[in-house]
Amino acid sequence: MEKKIFKAQLMSLSHWAILIVMLTLLSGCQAKESPLSQKAAAMEIVVRDMVKYLSTALTDPVAEGDIAEINVI
C-alpha cells in the first residue's frame, strides 16, 4: 500500500515540476521589448554602423587570407 502512495506523490511532484518549468518559460517571454534609453539607442546605432563597416572592409582580405591587410583595418 505504501508503494501506491509513494507513486502518487511522485506523480504529483512531476506535475508540479512541469508547471513550474512552464510558468518560468512563459513569464520570461514578453510580447513587447522595453524601450531603450537614449544612450543605449545611440550605442546601438554606433555598433551597427561599425559592424557594417567592418563586414564590408574585411570581406576581401578575409576571403583572400591577407593577414597584413586585416591587421591594418
N, C-alpha and C. Protein backbone atom coordinates (compact mmCIF):
# COMPACT_ATOMS: atom_id res chain seq x y z
N MET A 1 0.82 -1.19 0.00
CA MET A 1 0.00 0.00 0.00
C MET A 1 0.87 1.26 0.00
N GLU A 2 2.00 1.20 0.67
CA GLU A 2 2.89 2.36 0.73
C GLU A 2 3.44 2.70 -0.64
N LYS A 3 3.62 1.69 -1.50
CA LYS A 3 4.14 1.93 -2.84
C LYS A 3 3.17 2.76 -3.66
N LYS A 4 1.88 2.52 -3.51
CA LYS A 4 0.88 3.29 -4.24
C LYS A 4 0.89 4.74 -3.80
N ILE A 5 1.02 4.99 -2.53
CA ILE A 5 1.06 6.36 -2.02
C ILE A 5 2.32 7.06 -2.53
N PHE A 6 3.45 6.35 -2.51
CA PHE A 6 4.70 6.92 -2.98
C PHE A 6 4.62 7.27 -4.46
N LYS A 7 4.01 6.40 -5.28
CA LYS A 7 3.84 6.67 -6.71
C LYS A 7 2.94 7.88 -6.92
N ALA A 8 1.91 7.99 -6.13
CA ALA A 8 1.01 9.14 -6.26
C ALA A 8 1.74 10.43 -5.90
N GLN A 9 2.59 10.38 -4.88
CA GLN A 9 3.36 11.57 -4.51
C GLN A 9 4.34 11.94 -5.61
N LEU A 10 4.98 10.94 -6.22
CA LEU A 10 5.91 11.22 -7.32
C LEU A 10 5.18 11.84 -8.51
N MET A 11 4.01 11.32 -8.80
CA MET A 11 3.23 11.86 -9.90
C MET A 11 2.87 13.31 -9.61
N SER A 12 2.53 13.58 -8.39
CA SER A 12 2.18 14.94 -8.00
C SER A 12 3.39 15.86 -8.12
N LEU A 13 4.56 15.37 -7.71
CA LEU A 13 5.78 16.17 -7.80
C LEU A 13 6.15 16.45 -9.25
N SER A 14 5.98 15.47 -10.12
CA SER A 14 6.33 15.70 -11.52
C SER A 14 5.38 16.71 -12.15
N HIS A 15 4.13 16.68 -11.76
CA HIS A 15 3.19 17.67 -12.29
C HIS A 15 3.57 19.07 -11.81
N TRP A 16 3.96 19.19 -10.56
CA TRP A 16 4.39 20.49 -10.04
C TRP A 16 5.65 20.97 -10.75
N ALA A 17 6.57 20.06 -11.00
CA ALA A 17 7.81 20.43 -11.69
C ALA A 17 7.51 20.93 -13.10
N ILE A 18 6.64 20.24 -13.81
CA ILE A 18 6.26 20.67 -15.16
C ILE A 18 5.59 22.03 -15.12
N LEU A 19 4.72 22.24 -14.16
CA LEU A 19 4.03 23.52 -14.03
C LEU A 19 5.01 24.65 -13.75
N ILE A 20 5.97 24.40 -12.87
CA ILE A 20 6.96 25.44 -12.54
C ILE A 20 7.81 25.77 -13.76
N VAL A 21 8.23 24.76 -14.51
CA VAL A 21 9.03 25.00 -15.71
C VAL A 21 8.23 25.79 -16.74
N MET A 22 6.98 25.43 -16.94
CA MET A 22 6.15 26.14 -17.91
C MET A 22 5.94 27.59 -17.49
N LEU A 23 5.67 27.82 -16.22
CA LEU A 23 5.47 29.19 -15.75
C LEU A 23 6.75 30.01 -15.88
N THR A 24 7.89 29.40 -15.62
CA THR A 24 9.16 30.11 -15.76
C THR A 24 9.40 30.50 -17.20
N LEU A 25 9.17 29.59 -18.12
CA LEU A 25 9.38 29.89 -19.53
C LEU A 25 8.41 30.95 -20.03
N LEU A 26 7.16 30.84 -19.63
CA LEU A 26 6.15 31.78 -20.11
C LEU A 26 6.32 33.17 -19.50
N SER A 27 6.81 33.24 -18.29
CA SER A 27 6.97 34.55 -17.67
C SER A 27 8.14 35.31 -18.28
N GLY A 28 9.10 34.59 -18.87
CA GLY A 28 10.25 35.25 -19.49
C GLY A 28 9.96 35.76 -20.88
N CYS A 29 8.90 35.33 -21.49
CA CYS A 29 8.57 35.75 -22.85
C CYS A 29 7.66 36.97 -22.80
N GLN A 30 8.17 38.07 -23.30
CA GLN A 30 7.36 39.28 -23.33
C GLN A 30 7.03 39.61 -24.77
N ALA A 31 5.83 40.09 -25.00
CA ALA A 31 5.41 40.43 -26.35
C ALA A 31 6.13 41.68 -26.86
N LYS A 32 6.34 42.64 -25.98
CA LYS A 32 6.97 43.90 -26.39
C LYS A 32 8.31 44.04 -25.69
N GLU A 33 9.27 44.55 -26.45
CA GLU A 33 10.55 44.86 -25.84
C GLU A 33 10.44 46.18 -25.10
N SER A 34 11.18 46.29 -24.03
CA SER A 34 11.16 47.56 -23.32
C SER A 34 11.94 48.58 -24.13
N PRO A 35 11.52 49.84 -24.11
CA PRO A 35 12.20 50.86 -24.91
C PRO A 35 13.61 51.12 -24.38
N LEU A 36 14.53 51.40 -25.31
CA LEU A 36 15.90 51.69 -24.93
C LEU A 36 16.04 53.12 -24.45
N SER A 37 17.00 53.33 -23.59
CA SER A 37 17.31 54.70 -23.19
C SER A 37 17.99 55.40 -24.37
N GLN A 38 18.14 56.71 -24.28
CA GLN A 38 18.77 57.45 -25.38
C GLN A 38 20.22 57.02 -25.57
N LYS A 39 20.93 56.79 -24.47
CA LYS A 39 22.32 56.35 -24.58
C LYS A 39 22.42 54.96 -25.20
N ALA A 40 21.53 54.08 -24.81
CA ALA A 40 21.55 52.73 -25.36
C ALA A 40 21.19 52.74 -26.84
N ALA A 41 20.23 53.57 -27.24
CA ALA A 41 19.85 53.67 -28.64
C ALA A 41 21.01 54.22 -29.47
N ALA A 42 21.71 55.22 -28.93
CA ALA A 42 22.86 55.78 -29.63
C ALA A 42 23.97 54.74 -29.76
N MET A 43 24.19 53.98 -28.71
CA MET A 43 25.22 52.93 -28.75
C MET A 43 24.86 51.86 -29.76
N GLU A 44 23.60 51.51 -29.84
CA GLU A 44 23.16 50.51 -30.81
C GLU A 44 23.45 50.99 -32.23
N ILE A 45 23.21 52.25 -32.52
CA ILE A 45 23.48 52.81 -33.84
C ILE A 45 24.98 52.75 -34.15
N VAL A 46 25.80 53.13 -33.17
CA VAL A 46 27.26 53.11 -33.36
C VAL A 46 27.75 51.70 -33.63
N VAL A 47 27.25 50.74 -32.86
CA VAL A 47 27.68 49.36 -33.03
C VAL A 47 27.23 48.81 -34.38
N ARG A 48 26.01 49.09 -34.78
CA ARG A 48 25.54 48.62 -36.09
C ARG A 48 26.36 49.20 -37.22
N ASP A 49 26.67 50.51 -37.13
CA ASP A 49 27.49 51.14 -38.17
C ASP A 49 28.89 50.52 -38.22
N MET A 50 29.47 50.25 -37.06
CA MET A 50 30.80 49.65 -37.01
C MET A 50 30.79 48.24 -37.58
N VAL A 51 29.78 47.46 -37.27
CA VAL A 51 29.68 46.11 -37.81
C VAL A 51 29.52 46.16 -39.32
N LYS A 52 28.70 47.08 -39.81
CA LYS A 52 28.51 47.22 -41.26
C LYS A 52 29.83 47.60 -41.93
N TYR A 53 30.55 48.56 -41.33
CA TYR A 53 31.84 49.00 -41.89
C TYR A 53 32.84 47.85 -41.91
N LEU A 54 32.98 47.15 -40.78
CA LEU A 54 33.96 46.08 -40.70
C LEU A 54 33.61 44.91 -41.62
N SER A 55 32.34 44.60 -41.74
CA SER A 55 31.97 43.47 -42.59
C SER A 55 32.28 43.76 -44.05
N THR A 56 32.07 44.99 -44.49
CA THR A 56 32.40 45.31 -45.89
C THR A 56 33.91 45.48 -46.07
N ALA A 57 34.60 46.06 -45.09
CA ALA A 57 36.04 46.29 -45.21
C ALA A 57 36.83 44.98 -45.12
N LEU A 58 36.33 44.02 -44.37
CA LEU A 58 37.09 42.79 -44.16
C LEU A 58 36.71 41.64 -45.10
N THR A 59 35.72 41.84 -45.92
CA THR A 59 35.25 40.75 -46.78
C THR A 59 36.35 40.22 -47.69
N ASP A 60 36.97 41.11 -48.46
CA ASP A 60 38.01 40.67 -49.40
C ASP A 60 39.27 40.17 -48.69
N PRO A 61 39.82 40.91 -47.70
CA PRO A 61 41.04 40.41 -47.05
C PRO A 61 40.84 39.04 -46.38
N VAL A 62 39.69 38.82 -45.78
CA VAL A 62 39.45 37.53 -45.13
C VAL A 62 39.31 36.43 -46.18
N ALA A 63 38.62 36.73 -47.27
CA ALA A 63 38.45 35.74 -48.34
C ALA A 63 39.79 35.37 -48.96
N GLU A 64 40.69 36.35 -49.07
CA GLU A 64 42.00 36.10 -49.67
C GLU A 64 43.01 35.59 -48.65
N GLY A 65 42.69 35.68 -47.37
CA GLY A 65 43.62 35.25 -46.32
C GLY A 65 44.77 36.23 -46.14
N ASP A 66 44.54 37.50 -46.45
CA ASP A 66 45.58 38.53 -46.35
C ASP A 66 45.64 39.07 -44.92
N ILE A 67 46.49 38.45 -44.10
CA ILE A 67 46.59 38.80 -42.68
C ILE A 67 47.09 40.24 -42.50
N ALA A 68 48.03 40.66 -43.33
CA ALA A 68 48.57 42.02 -43.22
C ALA A 68 47.48 43.07 -43.43
N GLU A 69 46.63 42.88 -44.42
CA GLU A 69 45.54 43.82 -44.68
C GLU A 69 44.50 43.80 -43.57
N ILE A 70 44.23 42.62 -43.02
CA ILE A 70 43.28 42.50 -41.92
C ILE A 70 43.79 43.27 -40.70
N ASN A 71 45.08 43.16 -40.42
CA ASN A 71 45.66 43.87 -39.27
C ASN A 71 45.66 45.38 -39.47
N VAL A 72 45.74 45.85 -40.71
CA VAL A 72 45.70 47.30 -40.99
C VAL A 72 44.33 47.85 -40.64
N ILE A 73 43.30 47.11 -40.98
CA ILE A 73 41.94 47.59 -40.74
C ILE A 73 41.65 47.52 -39.27
